[in-house]
Amino acid sequence: MNFTPGPWVVTSTPGGWDGVKEKDFGAQICSLNLNNPNNAFLIAAAPDLYEALSDLLAALDAYVGWRNTAAHEPRETAAENKARAALAKAEGR
């Protein structure tokens, strides 16, 4: 992927939260005018969430027997599809 690697952190000013930047080198990810700082924390968590979801799907793919129980297949398949769709959205697909 060509996005700025994490970790990302929320930046603040004396007046409140103002954006998200790359932690180690300070590259600005986005500037925000927020009444709700939780949006900034969600944006800052994006690289970690992307990596965790990618790792989880890779582990799921490696576990061949996970689809063998028909009673669990619909729920797990729906969750897998939702996870893959979220990664595709993050990748601009």
PDB file of N, CA and C in Angstrom:
ATOM      1  N   MET A   1       0.839  -1.193   0.000  1.00  0.00           N
ATOM      2  CA  MET A   1       0.000   0.000   0.000  1.00  0.00           C
ATOM      3  C   MET A   1       0.873   1.243   0.000  1.00  0.00           C
ATOM      4  N   ASN A   2       0.339   2.288  -0.542  1.00  0.00           N
ATOM      5  CA  ASN A   2       1.091   3.537  -0.653  1.00  0.00           C
ATOM      6  C   ASN A   2       0.681   4.577   0.372  1.00  0.00           C
ATOM      7  N   PHE A   3       0.008   4.172   1.439  1.00  0.00           N
ATOM      8  CA  PHE A   3      -0.339   5.165   2.449  1.00  0.00           C
ATOM      9  C   PHE A   3       0.806   5.323   3.442  1.00  0.00           C
ATOM     10  N   THR A   4       0.770   6.411   4.185  1.00  0.00           N
ATOM     11  CA  THR A   4       1.814   6.683   5.172  1.00  0.00           C
ATOM     12  C   THR A   4       1.765   5.626   6.262  1.00  0.00           C
ATOM     13  N   PRO A   5       2.882   4.955   6.514  1.00  0.00           N
ATOM     14  CA  PRO A   5       2.865   3.906   7.533  1.00  0.00           C
ATOM     15  C   PRO A   5       2.647   4.473   8.935  1.00  0.00           C
ATOM     16  N   GLY A   6       2.098   3.663   9.795  1.00  0.00           N
ATOM     17  CA  GLY A   6       1.903   4.064  11.179  1.00  0.00           C
ATOM     18  C   GLY A   6       3.184   3.903  11.959  1.00  0.00           C
ATOM     19  N   PRO A   7       3.183   4.236  13.215  1.00  0.00           N
ATOM     20  CA  PRO A   7       1.991   4.663  13.952  1.00  0.00           C
ATOM     21  C   PRO A   7       1.640   6.127  13.694  1.00  0.00           C
ATOM     22  N   TRP A   8       0.356   6.410  13.812  1.00  0.00           N
ATOM     23  CA  TRP A   8      -0.158   7.768  13.712  1.00  0.00           C
ATOM     24  C   TRP A   8      -0.602   8.204  15.102  1.00  0.00           C
ATOM     25  N   VAL A   9      -0.506   9.504  15.377  1.00  0.00           N
ATOM     26  CA  VAL A   9      -0.922  10.041  16.675  1.00  0.00           C
ATOM     27  C   VAL A   9      -1.784  11.280  16.478  1.00  0.00           C
ATOM     28  N   VAL A  10      -2.612  11.531  17.461  1.00  0.00           N
ATOM     29  CA  VAL A  10      -3.457  12.731  17.464  1.00  0.00           C
ATOM     30  C   VAL A  10      -2.615  13.904  17.943  1.00  0.00           C
ATOM     31  N   THR A  11      -2.709  15.014  17.241  1.00  0.00           N
ATOM     32  CA  THR A  11      -2.010  16.225  17.670  1.00  0.00           C
ATOM     33  C   THR A  11      -3.020  17.178  18.289  1.00  0.00           C
ATOM     34  N   SER A  12      -2.530  18.009  19.173  1.00  0.00           N
ATOM     35  CA  SER A  12      -3.440  18.939  19.838  1.00  0.00           C
ATOM     36  C   SER A  12      -2.780  20.297  20.003  1.00  0.00           C
ATOM     37  N   THR A  13      -3.625  21.259  20.232  1.00  0.00           N
ATOM     38  CA  THR A  13      -3.200  22.617  20.530  1.00  0.00           C
ATOM     39  C   THR A  13      -3.875  22.992  21.841  1.00  0.00           C
ATOM     40  N   PRO A  14      -3.504  24.128  22.422  1.00  0.00           N
ATOM     41  CA  PRO A  14      -4.199  24.532  23.649  1.00  0.00           C
ATOM     42  C   PRO A  14      -5.715  24.659  23.461  1.00  0.00           C
ATOM     43  N   GLY A  15      -6.145  24.886  22.213  1.00  0.00           N
ATOM     44  CA  GLY A  15      -7.578  25.031  21.947  1.00  0.00           C
ATOM     45  C   GLY A  15      -8.299  23.732  21.683  1.00  0.00           C
ATOM     46  N   GLY A  16      -7.580  22.631  21.576  1.00  0.00           N
ATOM     47  CA  GLY A  16      -8.236  21.347  21.320  1.00  0.00           C
ATOM     48  C   GLY A  16      -7.453  20.483  20.364  1.00  0.00           C
ATOM     49  N   TRP A  17      -8.122  19.522  19.780  1.00  0.00           N
ATOM     50  CA  TRP A  17      -7.522  18.559  18.867  1.00  0.00           C
ATOM     51  C   TRP A  17      -7.462  19.186  17.484  1.00  0.00           C
ATOM     52  N   ASP A  18      -6.322  19.044  16.811  1.00  0.00           N
ATOM     53  CA  ASP A  18      -6.232  19.692  15.508  1.00  0.00           C
ATOM     54  C   ASP A  18      -5.821  18.797  14.359  1.00  0.00           C
ATOM     55  N   GLY A  19      -5.463  17.541  14.606  1.00  0.00           N
ATOM     56  CA  GLY A  19      -5.115  16.698  13.487  1.00  0.00           C
ATOM     57  C   GLY A  19      -4.490  15.386  13.885  1.00  0.00           C
ATOM     58  N   VAL A  20      -3.975  14.720  12.853  1.00  0.00           N
ATOM     59  CA  VAL A  20      -3.316  13.434  13.017  1.00  0.00           C
ATOM     60  C   VAL A  20      -2.015  13.506  12.240  1.00  0.00           C
ATOM     61  N   LYS A  21      -0.923  13.019  12.851  1.00  0.00           N
ATOM     62  CA  LYS A  21       0.373  13.020  12.171  1.00  0.00           C
ATOM     63  C   LYS A  21       1.050  11.677  12.357  1.00  0.00           C
ATOM     64  N   GLU A  22       2.039  11.431  11.502  1.00  0.00           N
ATOM     65  CA  GLU A  22       2.852  10.232  11.608  1.00  0.00           C
ATOM     66  C   GLU A  22       3.760  10.419  12.809  1.00  0.00           C
ATOM     67  N   LYS A  23       3.832   9.435  13.679  1.00  0.00           N
ATOM     68  CA  LYS A  23       4.493   9.593  14.973  1.00  0.00           C
ATOM     69  C   LYS A  23       5.990   9.876  14.877  1.00  0.00           C
ATOM     70  N   ASP A  24       6.725   9.098  14.102  1.00  0.00           N
ATOM     71  CA  ASP A  24       8.179   9.190  14.124  1.00  0.00           C
ATOM     72  C   ASP A  24       8.747  10.381  13.355  1.00  0.00           C
ATOM     73  N   PHE A  25       8.148  10.717  12.229  1.00  0.00           N
ATOM     74  CA  PHE A  25       8.709  11.775  11.388  1.00  0.00           C
ATOM     75  C   PHE A  25       7.843  13.027  11.319  1.00  0.00           C
ATOM     76  N   GLY A  26       6.658  12.962  11.891  1.00  0.00           N
ATOM     77  CA  GLY A  26       5.806  14.134  11.986  1.00  0.00           C
ATOM     78  C   GLY A  26       5.056  14.509  10.730  1.00  0.00           C
ATOM     79  N   ALA A  27       5.013  13.623   9.724  1.00  0.00           N
ATOM     80  CA  ALA A  27       4.264  13.932   8.503  1.00  0.00           C
ATOM     81  C   ALA A  27       2.786  14.103   8.848  1.00  0.00           C
ATOM     82  N   GLN A  28       2.210  15.207   8.400  1.00  0.00           N
ATOM     83  CA  GLN A  28       0.799  15.487   8.674  1.00  0.00           C
ATOM     84  C   GLN A  28      -0.074  14.544   7.859  1.00  0.00           C
ATOM     85  N   ILE A  29      -0.944  13.804   8.515  1.00  0.00           N
ATOM     86  CA  ILE A  29      -1.885  12.911   7.848  1.00  0.00           C
ATOM     87  C   ILE A  29      -3.138  13.679   7.476  1.00  0.00           C
ATOM     88  N   CYS A  30      -3.669  14.421   8.423  1.00  0.00           N
ATOM     89  CA  CYS A  30      -4.840  15.250   8.147  1.00  0.00           C
ATOM     90  C   CYS A  30      -4.969  16.320   9.219  1.00  0.00           C
ATOM     91  N   SER A  31      -5.601  17.403   8.813  1.00  0.00           N
ATOM     92  CA  SER A  31      -5.937  18.477   9.746  1.00  0.00           C
ATOM     93  C   SER A  31      -7.424  18.389  10.014  1.00  0.00           C
ATOM     94  N   LEU A  32      -7.803  18.642  11.241  1.00  0.00           N
ATOM     95  CA  LEU A  32      -9.192  18.467  11.629  1.00  0.00           C
ATOM     96  C   LEU A  32      -9.708  19.671  12.390  1.00  0.00           C
ATOM     97  N   ASN A  33     -10.954  19.950  12.196  1.00  0.00           N
ATOM     98  CA  ASN A  33     -11.663  20.928  12.997  1.00  0.00           C
ATOM     99  C   ASN A  33     -12.749  20.134  13.705  1.00  0.00           C
ATOM    100  N   LEU A  34     -12.430  19.662  14.888  1.00  0.00           N
ATOM    101  CA  LEU A  34     -13.300  18.693  15.546  1.00  0.00           C
ATOM    102  C   LEU A  34     -13.978  19.216  16.791  1.00  0.00           C
ATOM    103  N   ASN A  35     -15.234  18.878  16.910  1.00  0.00           N
ATOM    104  CA  ASN A  35     -15.917  19.026  18.182  1.00  0.00           C
ATOM    105  C   ASN A  35     -15.836  17.724  18.960  1.00  0.00           C
ATOM    106  N   ASN A  36     -15.533  16.641  18.247  1.00  0.00           N
ATOM    107  CA  ASN A  36     -15.469  15.319  18.862  1.00  0.00           C
ATOM    108  C   ASN A  36     -14.086  14.727  18.619  1.00  0.00           C
ATOM    109  N   PRO A  37     -13.201  14.716  19.606  1.00  0.00           N
ATOM    110  CA  PRO A  37     -11.849  14.199  19.412  1.00  0.00           C
ATOM    111  C   PRO A  37     -11.808  12.706  19.113  1.00  0.00           C
ATOM    112  N   ASN A  38     -12.902  11.990  19.377  1.00  0.00           N
ATOM    113  CA  ASN A  38     -12.910  10.557  19.077  1.00  0.00           C
ATOM    114  C   ASN A  38     -12.696  10.300  17.590  1.00  0.00           C
ATOM    115  N   ASN A  39     -13.111  11.202  16.717  1.00  0.00           N
ATOM    116  CA  ASN A  39     -12.860  11.047  15.287  1.00  0.00           C
ATOM    117  C   ASN A  39     -11.365  11.029  15.015  1.00  0.00           C
ATOM    118  N   ALA A  40     -10.618  11.889  15.671  1.00  0.00           N
ATOM    119  CA  ALA A  40      -9.165  11.930  15.484  1.00  0.00           C
ATOM    120  C   ALA A  40      -8.522  10.633  15.962  1.00  0.00           C
ATOM    121  N   PHE A  41      -8.991  10.094  17.073  1.00  0.00           N
ATOM    122  CA  PHE A  41      -8.427   8.849  17.583  1.00  0.00           C
ATOM    123  C   PHE A  41      -8.732   7.679  16.639  1.00  0.00           C
ATOM    124  N   LEU A  42      -9.925   7.672  16.043  1.00  0.00           N
ATOM    125  CA  LEU A  42     -10.267   6.637  15.070  1.00  0.00           C
ATOM    126  C   LEU A  42      -9.359   6.728  13.842  1.00  0.00           C
ATOM    127  N   ILE A  43      -9.141   7.924  13.332  1.00  0.00           N
ATOM    128  CA  ILE A  43      -8.250   8.117  12.188  1.00  0.00           C
ATOM    129  C   ILE A  43      -6.833   7.688  12.552  1.00  0.00           C
ATOM    130  N   ALA A  44      -6.367   8.076  13.722  1.00  0.00           N
ATOM    131  CA  ALA A  44      -5.010   7.726  14.151  1.00  0.00           C
ATOM    132  C   ALA A  44      -4.824   6.220  14.290  1.00  0.00           C
ATOM    133  N   ALA A  45      -5.885   5.504  14.597  1.00  0.00           N
ATOM    134  CA  ALA A  45      -5.802   4.053  14.761  1.00  0.00           C
ATOM    135  C   ALA A  45      -5.846   3.310  13.427  1.00  0.00           C
ATOM    136  N   ALA A  46      -6.118   3.991  12.322  1.00  0.00           N
ATOM    137  CA  ALA A  46      -6.303   3.335  11.021  1.00  0.00           C
ATOM    138  C   ALA A  46      -5.165   2.402  10.628  1.00  0.00           C
ATOM    139  N   PRO A  47      -3.888   2.792  10.704  1.00  0.00           N
ATOM    140  CA  PRO A  47      -2.836   1.850  10.308  1.00  0.00           C
ATOM    141  C   PRO A  47      -2.810   0.591  11.182  1.00  0.00           C
ATOM    142  N   ASP A  48      -3.046   0.754  12.474  1.00  0.00           N
ATOM    143  CA  ASP A  48      -3.062  -0.388  13.385  1.00  0.00           C
ATOM    144  C   ASP A  48      -4.242  -1.307  13.080  1.00  0.00           C
ATOM    145  N   LEU A  49      -5.407  -0.719  12.812  1.00  0.00           N
ATOM    146  CA  LEU A  49      -6.586  -1.507  12.487  1.00  0.00           C
ATOM    147  C   LEU A  49      -6.393  -2.258  11.170  1.00  0.00           C
ATOM    148  N   TYR A  50      -5.823  -1.593  10.181  1.00  0.00           N
ATOM    149  CA  TYR A  50      -5.564  -2.216   8.892  1.00  0.00           C
ATOM    150  C   TYR A  50      -4.630  -3.419   9.053  1.00  0.00           C
ATOM    151  N   GLU A  51      -3.547  -3.228   9.782  1.00  0.00           N
ATOM    152  CA  GLU A  51      -2.578  -4.301   9.982  1.00  0.00           C
ATOM    153  C   GLU A  51      -3.197  -5.469  10.753  1.00  0.00           C
ATOM    154  N   ALA A  52      -3.939  -5.168  11.800  1.00  0.00           N
ATOM    155  CA  ALA A  52      -4.555  -6.218  12.606  1.00  0.00           C
ATOM    156  C   ALA A  52      -5.570  -7.010  11.790  1.00  0.00           C
ATOM    157  N   LEU A  53      -6.375  -6.330  10.996  1.00  0.00           N
ATOM    158  CA  LEU A  53      -7.373  -7.014  10.180  1.00  0.00           C
ATOM    159  C   LEU A  53      -6.702  -7.850   9.094  1.00  0.00           C
ATOM    160  N   SER A  54      -5.656  -7.327   8.487  1.00  0.00           N
ATOM    161  CA  SER A  54      -4.904  -8.094   7.482  1.00  0.00           C
ATOM    162  C   SER A  54      -4.308  -9.353   8.102  1.00  0.00           C
ATOM    163  N   ASP A  55      -3.703  -9.217   9.277  1.00  0.00           N
ATOM    164  CA  ASP A  55      -3.107 -10.363   9.962  1.00  0.00           C
ATOM    165  C   ASP A  55      -4.168 -11.389  10.346  1.00  0.00           C
ATOM    166  N   LEU A  56      -5.302 -10.913  10.817  1.00  0.00           N
ATOM    167  CA  LEU A  56      -6.377 -11.814  11.213  1.00  0.00           C
ATOM    168  C   LEU A  56      -6.905 -12.600  10.016  1.00  0.00           C
ATOM    169  N   LEU A  57      -7.100 -11.931   8.889  1.00  0.00           N
ATOM    170  CA  LEU A  57      -7.574 -12.623   7.693  1.00  0.00           C
ATOM    171  C   LEU A  57      -6.534 -13.617   7.181  1.00  0.00           C
ATOM    172  N   ALA A  58      -5.258 -13.269   7.267  1.00  0.00           N
ATOM    173  CA  ALA A  58      -4.208 -14.204   6.851  1.00  0.00           C
ATOM    174  C   ALA A  58      -4.225 -15.449   7.727  1.00  0.00           C
ATOM    175  N   ALA A  59      -4.411 -15.269   9.029  1.00  0.00           N
ATOM    176  CA  ALA A  59      -4.485 -16.413   9.937  1.00  0.00           C
ATOM    177  C   ALA A  59      -5.723 -17.255   9.639  1.00  0.00           C
ATOM    178  N   LEU A  60      -6.812 -16.597   9.342  1.00  0.00           N
ATOM    179  CA  LEU A  60      -8.047 -17.296   9.013  1.00  0.00           C
ATOM    180  C   LEU A  60      -7.876 -18.102   7.730  1.00  0.00           C
ATOM    181  N   ASP A  61      -7.255 -17.510   6.732  1.00  0.00           N
ATOM    182  CA  ASP A  61      -7.001 -18.214   5.470  1.00  0.00           C
ATOM    183  C   ASP A  61      -6.108 -19.431   5.685  1.00  0.00           C
ATOM    184  N   ALA A  62      -5.168 -19.322   6.603  1.00  0.00           N
ATOM    185  CA  ALA A  62      -4.234 -20.418   6.866  1.00  0.00           C
ATOM    186  C   ALA A  62      -4.897 -21.576   7.612  1.00  0.00           C
ATOM    187  N   TYR A  63      -5.966 -21.302   8.280  1.00  0.00           N
ATOM    188  CA  TYR A  63      -6.655 -22.330   9.050  1.00  0.00           C
ATOM    189  C   TYR A  63      -7.725 -22.974   8.171  1.00  0.00           C
ATOM    190  N   VAL A  64      -7.362 -24.028   7.503  1.00  0.00           N
ATOM    191  CA  VAL A  64      -8.215 -24.659   6.508  1.00  0.00           C
ATOM    192  C   VAL A  64      -9.514 -25.192   7.093  1.00  0.00           C
ATOM    193  N   GLY A  65      -9.498 -25.699   8.294  1.00  0.00           N
ATOM    194  CA  GLY A  65     -10.672 -26.341   8.863  1.00  0.00           C
ATOM    195  C   GLY A  65     -11.766 -25.408   9.329  1.00  0.00           C
ATOM    196  N   TRP A  66     -11.554 -24.112   9.269  1.00  0.00           N
ATOM    197  CA  TRP A  66     -12.542 -23.193   9.844  1.00  0.00           C
ATOM    198  C   TRP A  66     -13.882 -23.235   9.139  1.00  0.00           C
ATOM    199  N   ARG A  67     -13.930 -23.602   7.864  1.00  0.00           N
ATOM    200  CA  ARG A  67     -15.200 -23.651   7.130  1.00  0.00           C
ATOM    201  C   ARG A  67     -15.901 -25.010   7.233  1.00  0.00           C
ATOM    202  N   ASN A  68     -15.288 -25.974   7.896  1.00  0.00           N
ATOM    203  CA  ASN A  68     -15.825 -27.325   7.888  1.00  0.00           C
ATOM    204  C   ASN A  68     -17.061 -27.507   8.763  1.00  0.00           C
ATOM    205  N   THR A  69     -17.369 -26.584   9.629  1.00  0.00           N
ATOM    206  CA  THR A  69     -18.541 -26.701  10.486  1.00  0.00           C
ATOM    207  C   THR A  69     -19.662 -25.861   9.888  1.00  0.00           C
ATOM    208  N   ALA A  70     -20.618 -26.517   9.275  1.00  0.00           N
ATOM    209  CA  ALA A  70     -21.688 -25.820   8.558  1.00  0.00           C
ATOM    210  C   ALA A  70     -22.463 -24.863   9.460  1.00  0.00           C
ATOM    211  N   ALA A  71     -22.613 -25.185  10.730  1.00  0.00           N
ATOM    212  CA  ALA A  71     -23.383 -24.332  11.640  1.00  0.00           C
ATOM    213  C   ALA A  71     -22.729 -22.964  11.826  1.00  0.00           C
ATOM    214  N   HIS A  72     -21.419 -22.891  11.673  1.00  0.00           N
ATOM    215  CA  HIS A  72     -20.718 -21.629  11.879  1.00  0.00           C
ATOM    216  C   HIS A  72     -20.405 -20.894  10.577  1.00  0.00           C
ATOM    217  N   GLU A  73     -20.539 -21.560   9.465  1.00  0.00           N
ATOM    218  CA  GLU A  73     -20.119 -20.966   8.196  1.00  0.00           C
ATOM    219  C   GLU A  73     -20.813 -19.650   7.850  1.00  0.00           C
ATOM    220  N   PRO A  74     -22.134 -19.534   7.957  1.00  0.00           N
ATOM    221  CA  PRO A  74     -22.748 -18.256   7.542  1.00  0.00           C
ATOM    222  C   PRO A  74     -22.240 -17.050   8.323  1.00  0.00           C
ATOM    223  N   ARG A  75     -22.114 -17.179   9.643  1.00  0.00           N
ATOM    224  CA  ARG A  75     -21.652 -16.043  10.445  1.00  0.00           C
ATOM    225  C   ARG A  75     -20.200 -15.713  10.117  1.00  0.00           C
ATOM    226  N   GLU A  76     -19.344 -16.721  10.062  1.00  0.00           N
ATOM    227  CA  GLU A  76     -17.930 -16.484   9.793  1.00  0.00           C
ATOM    228  C   GLU A  76     -17.716 -15.982   8.373  1.00  0.00           C
ATOM    229  N   THR A  77     -18.446 -16.502   7.424  1.00  0.00           N
ATOM    230  CA  THR A  77     -18.301 -16.053   6.047  1.00  0.00           C
ATOM    231  C   THR A  77     -18.732 -14.598   5.919  1.00  0.00           C
ATOM    232  N   ALA A  78     -19.810 -14.219   6.568  1.00  0.00           N
ATOM    233  CA  ALA A  78     -20.265 -12.830   6.523  1.00  0.00           C
ATOM    234  C   ALA A  78     -19.228 -11.909   7.160  1.00  0.00           C
ATOM    235  N   ALA A  79     -18.649 -12.329   8.279  1.00  0.00           N
ATOM    236  CA  ALA A  79     -17.628 -11.519   8.943  1.00  0.00           C
ATOM    237  C   ALA A  79     -16.384 -11.403   8.065  1.00  0.00           C
ATOM    238  N   GLU A  80     -16.005 -12.506   7.430  1.00  0.00           N
ATOM    239  CA  GLU A  80     -14.842 -12.488   6.537  1.00  0.00           C
ATOM    240  C   GLU A  80     -15.086 -11.547   5.365  1.00  0.00           C
ATOM    241  N   ASN A  81     -16.261 -11.619   4.778  1.00  0.00           N
ATOM    242  CA  ASN A  81     -16.581 -10.744   3.654  1.00  0.00           C
ATOM    243  C   ASN A  81     -16.572  -9.275   4.077  1.00  0.00           C
ATOM    244  N   LYS A  82     -17.081  -9.007   5.245  1.00  0.00           N
ATOM    245  CA  LYS A  82     -17.101  -7.637   5.762  1.00  0.00           C
ATOM    246  C   LYS A  82     -15.672  -7.136   5.991  1.00  0.00           C
ATOM    247  N   ALA A  83     -14.816  -7.996   6.537  1.00  0.00           N
ATOM    248  CA  ALA A  83     -13.421  -7.624   6.780  1.00  0.00           C
ATOM    249  C   ALA A  83     -12.691  -7.367   5.467  1.00  0.00           C
ATOM    250  N   ARG A  84     -12.904  -8.242   4.482  1.00  0.00           N
ATOM    251  CA  ARG A  84     -12.247  -8.050   3.180  1.00  0.00           C
ATOM    252  C   ARG A  84     -12.748  -6.778   2.495  1.00  0.00           C
ATOM    253  N   ALA A  85     -14.020  -6.480   2.639  1.00  0.00           N
ATOM    254  CA  ALA A  85     -14.575  -5.257   2.056  1.00  0.00           C
ATOM    255  C   ALA A  85     -13.983  -4.014   2.729  1.00  0.00           C
ATOM    256  N   ALA A  86     -13.780  -4.079   4.032  1.00  0.00           N
ATOM    257  CA  ALA A  86     -13.183  -2.939   4.742  1.00  0.00           C
ATOM    258  C   ALA A  86     -11.749  -2.708   4.282  1.00  0.00           C
ATOM    259  N   LEU A  87     -10.970  -3.772   4.098  1.00  0.00           N
ATOM    260  CA  LEU A  87      -9.606  -3.627   3.597  1.00  0.00           C
ATOM    261  C   LEU A  87      -9.610  -3.078   2.174  1.00  0.00           C
ATOM    262  N   ALA A  88     -10.523  -3.562   1.343  1.00  0.00           N
ATOM    263  CA  ALA A  88     -10.602  -3.059  -0.033  1.00  0.00           C
ATOM    264  C   ALA A  88     -10.935  -1.563  -0.047  1.00  0.00           C
ATOM    265  N   LYS A  89     -11.820  -1.145   0.838  1.00  0.00           N
ATOM    266  CA  LYS A  89     -12.182   0.267   0.931  1.00  0.00           C
ATOM    267  C   LYS A  89     -10.960   1.093   1.342  1.00  0.00           C
ATOM    268  N   ALA A  90     -10.196   0.588   2.300  1.00  0.00           N
ATOM    269  CA  ALA A  90      -8.991   1.287   2.741  1.00  0.00           C
ATOM    270  C   ALA A  90      -7.943   1.378   1.629  1.00  0.00           C
ATOM    271  N   GLU A  91      -7.969   0.396   0.715  1.00  0.00           N
ATOM    272  CA  GLU A  91      -7.027   0.364  -0.397  1.00  0.00           C
ATOM    273  C   GLU A  91      -7.540   1.112  -1.622  1.00  0.00           C
ATOM    274  N   GLY A  92      -8.727   1.685  -1.524  1.00  0.00           N
ATOM    275  CA  GLY A  92      -9.287   2.441  -2.645  1.00  0.00           C
ATOM    276  C   GLY A  92      -9.851   1.576  -3.744  1.00  0.00           C
ATOM    277  N   ARG A  93     -10.207   0.333  -3.397  1.00  0.00           N
ATOM    278  CA  ARG A  93     -10.796  -0.560  -4.408  1.00  0.00           C
ATOM    279  C   ARG A  93     -12.289  -0.637  -4.237  1.00  0.00           C
TER     280      ARG A  93
END
